[in-house]
Amino acid sequence: MEGSLRIPLSRVPDEGLDLDLEVATGALGLDEGFWPPLRGVRLTGRLERTGPQEAVFRGRATGIFRLQCSLGLAEFDFPVDEPVVAFFAPRPEAARGEDEEIELGEGDLETAYLDGEAVDLVSSLRDQLGLAIPLQPKCPEKCLGEYPGMCRRLETGGDVGGEEEVDPRWSGLREWRKS
C-alpha cells in the first residue's frame, strides 16, 4: 500500500492499524546537499492508540543509500533496515505560545507531537534513516571484502599500490622519502 505518512487519529481503530508504506524520498524533505541519495524507502509497522490523544508507532524502516567510501572514494549501495519507535502526544499548552520558554523533560525528547489531530511519521522516519548512515562508510567490496589491506594503508596515510607494483624508475624517490 502506498500512502501518506500523515495519519489522522480518527483512522486508527482501537485494535491498531498495520502499515506497509512505500515512501517517496521527496516526501521526507531531505536537503539534497546534506543527504546521500536514497531510494527504495519502505515503512512497515503498527500504529496503536495509547489514549484518546496519544499513539505509538512500532515498526521498521528500510531503504538503500548510495554512499561514497571514506577511504577509496568508490560509490556503493548501503542498505538500511532499522527499527522505528515513535510516541505521539498533543503539544503541551505551554509550548503553543511562541514567546514562552518551556523546560523539556527526558520524556519530551522521546515524544513527537501530534500535527493537529494526526500522527505525522515523517520526522521519525527521517531521523531513523539519518542515524543509520555511517560516519565513515567503507565499501563492502574492497575495504570490507577482497582488498582490506589497501584500505588499511589508505586509513594510515599510506599509498594504494603494493610494493611489487612500483615502477623501478621511481626507486630514487623511495630512497629520498626514507631520509
Foldseek 3Di string as FASTA:
>chain_A
DADALKFFPVPADQVWDWDKHFDDPVNLPDDVVPFADKDRWIWTFTWHAPDPQKIKTWTWIWIWGFDAALQPRDTDIDIDIGIFIAIEGADDPQVPDPPGDDDDDPVNVRYDYHPVRIDRCSVRNSVRVVVPDDPRDHDCPACVHDPVVQRVCRVVPHHNDDPVPDDVVCVVVVVVVVD
